[in-house]
Every structure is written in structure tokens, then in C-alpha cells.
Amino acid sequence: MIERIETGKRMSKIVKHQGTVYLCGQVGDGGSVAEQTRDCLGRVEALLERAGSSRERILQAVIWLADMADFAEMNAVWDAWVPEGHAPARACGEARLARPELRVEIIVTAACD
């Protein structure tokens, strides 16, 4: 069975299937990449909780930065957020994001109940 949560015409915020939860890409508010990353990760955490998962159960994260020059600043926030011993498989690349003010987008896949 596939469960879709907060489904619109274009996408669902959460999709659950066979013990795995897939989140749509999350962005955050703020001027700096650190502020946007913190806000984005807060949104990821809230969606994971809603789906019956948590930060400790993240399997994979894909991170898009508008500018790879922000890599270290984003990583400082990421490293403080990921629970020790629970780092997921991760990729990070540079991409033009949906709006010019966006500096980071994070896509997460996690295990769930």
C-alpha cells in the first residue's frame, strides 16, 4: 500500500511505502545559508515525525546548494543536527533552485513504522 500525505496536484509532502518514507524537497526561510538550513531541517524533522520516523532513521539525504561556496556553512548546521552515529548516505551538489532567494534544498528518505 502507498500512503500519500498532503497531496496536491503536483506533489505529496510525504509518501510512505513498505517501511520507507519519502519527503518532498524542503527549503527554509532566512537570509543566510545557515538560517535557511536550520529552518529547512526543522521542517524535515516535523515531516518525519508526522510520518512515524525521526532523524535517527534517515537513510539518505540529497542536498542542493545554489552555490557550493556555502558548503562549509551548511555543513556546520547539518553536522550539529544529525544525531551522532546516525549519519545517512548523503550527496550534495550545486543547482539553480526554484526561487533566487533560496540557497539550500534538502530531500530525505527514511525508514518508518
N, C-alpha and C. Protein backbone atom coordinates (compact mmCIF):
# COMPACT_ATOMS: atom_id res chain seq x y z
N MET A 1 0.83 -1.18 0.00
CA MET A 1 0.00 0.00 0.00
C MET A 1 0.88 1.25 0.00
N ILE A 2 0.49 2.22 -0.75
CA ILE A 2 1.17 3.52 -0.79
C ILE A 2 0.27 4.53 -0.09
N GLU A 3 0.86 5.25 0.87
CA GLU A 3 0.13 6.30 1.58
C GLU A 3 0.74 7.65 1.20
N ARG A 4 -0.12 8.56 0.76
CA ARG A 4 0.33 9.90 0.38
C ARG A 4 -0.29 10.90 1.35
N ILE A 5 0.54 11.79 1.87
CA ILE A 5 0.09 12.77 2.88
C ILE A 5 0.34 14.17 2.34
N GLU A 6 -0.66 15.03 2.52
CA GLU A 6 -0.63 16.41 1.99
C GLU A 6 -0.36 16.38 0.49
N THR A 7 -1.26 15.72 -0.21
CA THR A 7 -1.13 15.55 -1.65
C THR A 7 -1.84 16.67 -2.40
N GLY A 8 -1.14 17.27 -3.31
CA GLY A 8 -1.70 18.28 -4.19
C GLY A 8 -1.63 17.77 -5.62
N LYS A 9 -1.92 18.64 -6.55
CA LYS A 9 -1.89 18.26 -7.96
C LYS A 9 -0.48 17.89 -8.41
N ARG A 10 0.53 18.61 -7.90
CA ARG A 10 1.90 18.44 -8.35
C ARG A 10 2.70 17.43 -7.55
N MET A 11 2.46 17.37 -6.23
CA MET A 11 3.29 16.50 -5.40
C MET A 11 2.62 16.23 -4.05
N SER A 12 3.18 15.26 -3.34
CA SER A 12 2.81 14.97 -1.96
C SER A 12 3.98 15.38 -1.09
N LYS A 13 3.71 15.92 0.11
CA LYS A 13 4.80 16.26 1.02
C LYS A 13 5.46 15.01 1.58
N ILE A 14 4.65 13.95 1.80
CA ILE A 14 5.14 12.70 2.34
C ILE A 14 4.54 11.56 1.54
N VAL A 15 5.37 10.58 1.20
CA VAL A 15 4.88 9.33 0.61
C VAL A 15 5.50 8.19 1.43
N LYS A 16 4.63 7.27 1.89
CA LYS A 16 5.08 6.12 2.66
C LYS A 16 4.78 4.85 1.86
N HIS A 17 5.77 3.94 1.85
CA HIS A 17 5.60 2.68 1.15
C HIS A 17 6.54 1.64 1.75
N GLN A 18 5.98 0.54 2.20
CA GLN A 18 6.74 -0.61 2.69
C GLN A 18 7.87 -0.23 3.65
N GLY A 19 7.53 0.55 4.68
CA GLY A 19 8.52 0.89 5.71
C GLY A 19 9.49 1.99 5.35
N THR A 20 9.22 2.69 4.27
CA THR A 20 10.10 3.79 3.85
C THR A 20 9.26 5.04 3.67
N VAL A 21 9.79 6.17 4.12
CA VAL A 21 9.12 7.45 3.94
C VAL A 21 9.99 8.33 3.04
N TYR A 22 9.33 8.94 2.06
CA TYR A 22 9.98 9.83 1.11
C TYR A 22 9.42 11.23 1.32
N LEU A 23 10.27 12.19 1.56
CA LEU A 23 9.82 13.58 1.73
C LEU A 23 10.10 14.35 0.45
N CYS A 24 9.20 15.29 0.15
CA CYS A 24 9.48 16.20 -0.95
C CYS A 24 10.61 17.12 -0.52
N GLY A 25 11.24 17.78 -1.45
CA GLY A 25 12.33 18.70 -1.14
C GLY A 25 11.86 19.80 -0.20
N GLN A 26 12.69 20.10 0.80
CA GLN A 26 12.37 21.13 1.78
C GLN A 26 13.33 22.29 1.65
N VAL A 27 12.80 23.49 1.74
CA VAL A 27 13.60 24.71 1.74
C VAL A 27 13.27 25.46 3.03
N GLY A 28 14.06 26.47 3.34
CA GLY A 28 13.83 27.21 4.58
C GLY A 28 13.84 28.71 4.36
N ASP A 29 13.40 29.39 5.40
CA ASP A 29 13.40 30.86 5.39
C ASP A 29 14.69 31.37 6.02
N GLY A 30 15.05 32.60 5.67
CA GLY A 30 16.21 33.25 6.26
C GLY A 30 17.10 33.82 5.17
N GLY A 31 18.02 34.68 5.60
CA GLY A 31 18.92 35.33 4.65
C GLY A 31 20.17 34.53 4.38
N SER A 32 20.74 33.92 5.41
CA SER A 32 21.98 33.18 5.25
C SER A 32 21.70 31.71 4.97
N VAL A 33 22.69 31.01 4.44
CA VAL A 33 22.51 29.58 4.20
C VAL A 33 22.36 28.84 5.53
N ALA A 34 23.00 29.32 6.60
CA ALA A 34 22.85 28.69 7.91
C ALA A 34 21.41 28.81 8.40
N GLU A 35 20.82 29.99 8.28
CA GLU A 35 19.43 30.20 8.70
C GLU A 35 18.48 29.33 7.88
N GLN A 36 18.69 29.32 6.59
CA GLN A 36 17.82 28.51 5.72
C GLN A 36 17.98 27.02 6.02
N THR A 37 19.21 26.57 6.27
CA THR A 37 19.44 25.16 6.58
C THR A 37 18.77 24.78 7.89
N ARG A 38 18.91 25.60 8.93
CA ARG A 38 18.25 25.31 10.22
C ARG A 38 16.74 25.22 10.05
N ASP A 39 16.15 26.16 9.34
CA ASP A 39 14.70 26.16 9.13
C ASP A 39 14.28 24.95 8.30
N CYS A 40 15.02 24.66 7.26
CA CYS A 40 14.75 23.51 6.40
C CYS A 40 14.79 22.22 7.20
N LEU A 41 15.80 22.04 8.04
CA LEU A 41 15.93 20.82 8.84
C LEU A 41 14.82 20.72 9.88
N GLY A 42 14.36 21.85 10.38
CA GLY A 42 13.20 21.84 11.27
C GLY A 42 11.96 21.32 10.55
N ARG A 43 11.79 21.71 9.31
CA ARG A 43 10.65 21.22 8.51
C ARG A 43 10.79 19.73 8.22
N VAL A 44 12.01 19.30 7.90
CA VAL A 44 12.27 17.87 7.67
C VAL A 44 11.90 17.08 8.92
N GLU A 45 12.37 17.54 10.07
CA GLU A 45 12.09 16.83 11.32
C GLU A 45 10.60 16.73 11.60
N ALA A 46 9.86 17.81 11.38
CA ALA A 46 8.41 17.81 11.61
C ALA A 46 7.72 16.82 10.68
N LEU A 47 8.12 16.78 9.41
CA LEU A 47 7.52 15.84 8.47
C LEU A 47 7.87 14.40 8.83
N LEU A 48 9.10 14.16 9.25
CA LEU A 48 9.49 12.81 9.67
C LEU A 48 8.65 12.34 10.85
N GLU A 49 8.47 13.21 11.83
CA GLU A 49 7.65 12.85 12.99
C GLU A 49 6.22 12.54 12.56
N ARG A 50 5.69 13.34 11.68
CA ARG A 50 4.33 13.12 11.19
C ARG A 50 4.21 11.77 10.48
N ALA A 51 5.28 11.35 9.85
CA ALA A 51 5.29 10.10 9.09
C ALA A 51 5.64 8.89 9.96
N GLY A 52 5.91 9.11 11.25
CA GLY A 52 6.29 8.00 12.12
C GLY A 52 7.76 7.65 12.03
N SER A 53 8.59 8.64 11.77
CA SER A 53 10.02 8.43 11.66
C SER A 53 10.76 9.49 12.49
N SER A 54 12.07 9.58 12.29
CA SER A 54 12.87 10.53 13.05
C SER A 54 14.22 10.75 12.37
N ARG A 55 14.98 11.70 12.90
CA ARG A 55 16.33 11.98 12.38
C ARG A 55 17.21 10.74 12.43
N GLU A 56 17.04 9.92 13.47
CA GLU A 56 17.87 8.73 13.63
C GLU A 56 17.60 7.67 12.57
N ARG A 57 16.50 7.80 11.84
CA ARG A 57 16.11 6.78 10.87
C ARG A 57 16.28 7.23 9.42
N ILE A 58 16.94 8.37 9.22
CA ILE A 58 17.18 8.84 7.85
C ILE A 58 18.15 7.88 7.15
N LEU A 59 17.76 7.46 5.97
CA LEU A 59 18.58 6.56 5.17
C LEU A 59 19.46 7.32 4.19
N GLN A 60 18.88 8.36 3.58
CA GLN A 60 19.60 9.11 2.55
C GLN A 60 19.14 10.56 2.54
N ALA A 61 20.08 11.45 2.27
CA ALA A 61 19.76 12.87 2.09
C ALA A 61 20.46 13.35 0.83
N VAL A 62 19.72 14.13 0.05
CA VAL A 62 20.29 14.80 -1.13
C VAL A 62 20.14 16.29 -0.87
N ILE A 63 21.25 17.00 -0.91
CA ILE A 63 21.26 18.43 -0.60
C ILE A 63 21.69 19.20 -1.85
N TRP A 64 20.89 20.20 -2.18
CA TRP A 64 21.21 21.09 -3.30
C TRP A 64 21.52 22.46 -2.74
N LEU A 65 22.65 23.01 -3.13
CA LEU A 65 23.04 24.37 -2.77
C LEU A 65 23.03 25.23 -4.03
N ALA A 66 22.58 26.46 -3.88
CA ALA A 66 22.62 27.39 -5.01
C ALA A 66 24.06 27.74 -5.36
N ASP A 67 24.96 27.65 -4.37
CA ASP A 67 26.37 27.99 -4.57
C ASP A 67 27.20 27.09 -3.66
N MET A 68 28.10 26.30 -4.24
CA MET A 68 28.93 25.39 -3.43
C MET A 68 29.86 26.15 -2.49
N ALA A 69 29.99 27.45 -2.66
CA ALA A 69 30.76 28.25 -1.71
C ALA A 69 30.12 28.21 -0.32
N ASP A 70 28.82 27.84 -0.25
CA ASP A 70 28.10 27.74 1.03
C ASP A 70 28.22 26.38 1.68
N PHE A 71 29.01 25.48 1.12
CA PHE A 71 29.12 24.10 1.60
C PHE A 71 29.51 24.02 3.07
N ALA A 72 30.55 24.72 3.48
CA ALA A 72 31.02 24.65 4.88
C ALA A 72 29.98 25.21 5.84
N GLU A 73 29.33 26.32 5.47
CA GLU A 73 28.31 26.93 6.33
C GLU A 73 27.11 25.99 6.51
N MET A 74 26.68 25.36 5.42
CA MET A 74 25.58 24.41 5.51
C MET A 74 25.98 23.21 6.34
N ASN A 75 27.19 22.69 6.12
CA ASN A 75 27.67 21.51 6.86
C ASN A 75 27.75 21.76 8.36
N ALA A 76 28.09 22.97 8.78
CA ALA A 76 28.16 23.27 10.22
C ALA A 76 26.80 23.05 10.87
N VAL A 77 25.73 23.47 10.19
CA VAL A 77 24.37 23.28 10.72
C VAL A 77 23.98 21.81 10.62
N TRP A 78 24.23 21.19 9.48
CA TRP A 78 23.91 19.78 9.27
C TRP A 78 24.57 18.90 10.33
N ASP A 79 25.88 19.10 10.52
CA ASP A 79 26.64 18.26 11.46
C ASP A 79 26.10 18.36 12.89
N ALA A 80 25.64 19.54 13.28
CA ALA A 80 25.08 19.72 14.62
C ALA A 80 23.69 19.08 14.73
N TRP A 81 22.98 18.93 13.63
CA TRP A 81 21.62 18.42 13.61
C TRP A 81 21.54 16.89 13.57
N VAL A 82 22.46 16.26 12.81
CA VAL A 82 22.43 14.80 12.66
C VAL A 82 22.90 14.15 13.96
N PRO A 83 22.08 13.24 14.51
CA PRO A 83 22.48 12.56 15.75
C PRO A 83 23.76 11.75 15.55
N GLU A 84 24.65 11.80 16.50
CA GLU A 84 25.92 11.07 16.41
C GLU A 84 25.65 9.58 16.18
N GLY A 85 26.36 9.02 15.22
CA GLY A 85 26.22 7.61 14.91
C GLY A 85 25.07 7.30 13.95
N HIS A 86 24.35 8.32 13.49
CA HIS A 86 23.19 8.10 12.62
C HIS A 86 23.29 8.88 11.31
N ALA A 87 24.51 9.16 10.85
CA ALA A 87 24.68 9.90 9.60
C ALA A 87 24.17 9.05 8.43
N PRO A 88 23.30 9.62 7.59
CA PRO A 88 22.78 8.87 6.44
C PRO A 88 23.75 8.89 5.26
N ALA A 89 23.46 8.09 4.26
CA ALA A 89 24.13 8.26 2.98
C ALA A 89 23.73 9.65 2.48
N ARG A 90 24.67 10.38 1.89
CA ARG A 90 24.36 11.77 1.54
C ARG A 90 25.10 12.19 0.28
N ALA A 91 24.43 13.05 -0.48
CA ALA A 91 25.05 13.68 -1.64
C ALA A 91 24.75 15.17 -1.56
N CYS A 92 25.66 15.99 -2.08
CA CYS A 92 25.45 17.43 -2.10
C CYS A 92 25.98 17.96 -3.42
N GLY A 93 25.16 18.78 -4.07
CA GLY A 93 25.57 19.35 -5.33
C GLY A 93 25.06 20.77 -5.48
N GLU A 94 25.47 21.41 -6.54
CA GLU A 94 25.05 22.78 -6.82
C GLU A 94 23.98 22.76 -7.91
N ALA A 95 22.93 23.55 -7.69
CA ALA A 95 21.85 23.63 -8.67
C ALA A 95 21.15 24.97 -8.56
N ARG A 96 20.56 25.40 -9.65
CA ARG A 96 19.70 26.58 -9.61
C ARG A 96 18.40 26.14 -8.95
N LEU A 97 18.02 26.79 -7.86
CA LEU A 97 16.83 26.42 -7.12
C LEU A 97 15.61 27.18 -7.65
N ALA A 98 14.43 26.84 -7.13
CA ALA A 98 13.16 27.33 -7.69
C ALA A 98 13.00 28.85 -7.64
N ARG A 99 13.58 29.48 -6.62
CA ARG A 99 13.48 30.94 -6.49
C ARG A 99 14.88 31.49 -6.19
N PRO A 100 15.18 32.69 -6.65
CA PRO A 100 16.54 33.23 -6.49
C PRO A 100 16.99 33.39 -5.03
N GLU A 101 16.04 33.60 -4.10
CA GLU A 101 16.42 33.79 -2.69
C GLU A 101 16.74 32.48 -1.98
N LEU A 102 16.40 31.36 -2.58
CA LEU A 102 16.68 30.05 -1.96
C LEU A 102 18.14 29.69 -2.13
N ARG A 103 18.74 29.20 -1.03
CA ARG A 103 20.16 28.84 -1.06
C ARG A 103 20.41 27.37 -0.79
N VAL A 104 19.39 26.67 -0.24
CA VAL A 104 19.56 25.25 0.07
C VAL A 104 18.22 24.52 -0.03
N GLU A 105 18.25 23.29 -0.53
CA GLU A 105 17.08 22.42 -0.56
C GLU A 105 17.55 21.03 -0.16
N ILE A 106 16.77 20.37 0.71
CA ILE A 106 17.14 19.05 1.21
C ILE A 106 16.01 18.06 0.94
N ILE A 107 16.38 16.89 0.39
CA ILE A 107 15.44 15.82 0.09
C ILE A 107 15.86 14.63 0.94
N VAL A 108 14.90 14.04 1.67
CA VAL A 108 15.22 12.99 2.64
C VAL A 108 14.37 11.75 2.37
N THR A 109 15.00 10.59 2.54
CA THR A 109 14.34 9.30 2.56
C THR A 109 14.70 8.64 3.89
N ALA A 110 13.70 8.07 4.57
CA ALA A 110 13.93 7.50 5.89
C ALA A 110 13.12 6.22 6.08
N ALA A 111 13.54 5.42 7.06
CA ALA A 111 12.76 4.27 7.48
C ALA A 111 11.63 4.75 8.36
N CYS A 112 10.49 4.05 8.32
CA CYS A 112 9.36 4.43 9.16
C CYS A 112 8.63 3.17 9.63
N ASP A 113 7.70 3.37 10.55
CA ASP A 113 6.90 2.25 11.07
C ASP A 113 5.85 1.83 10.08
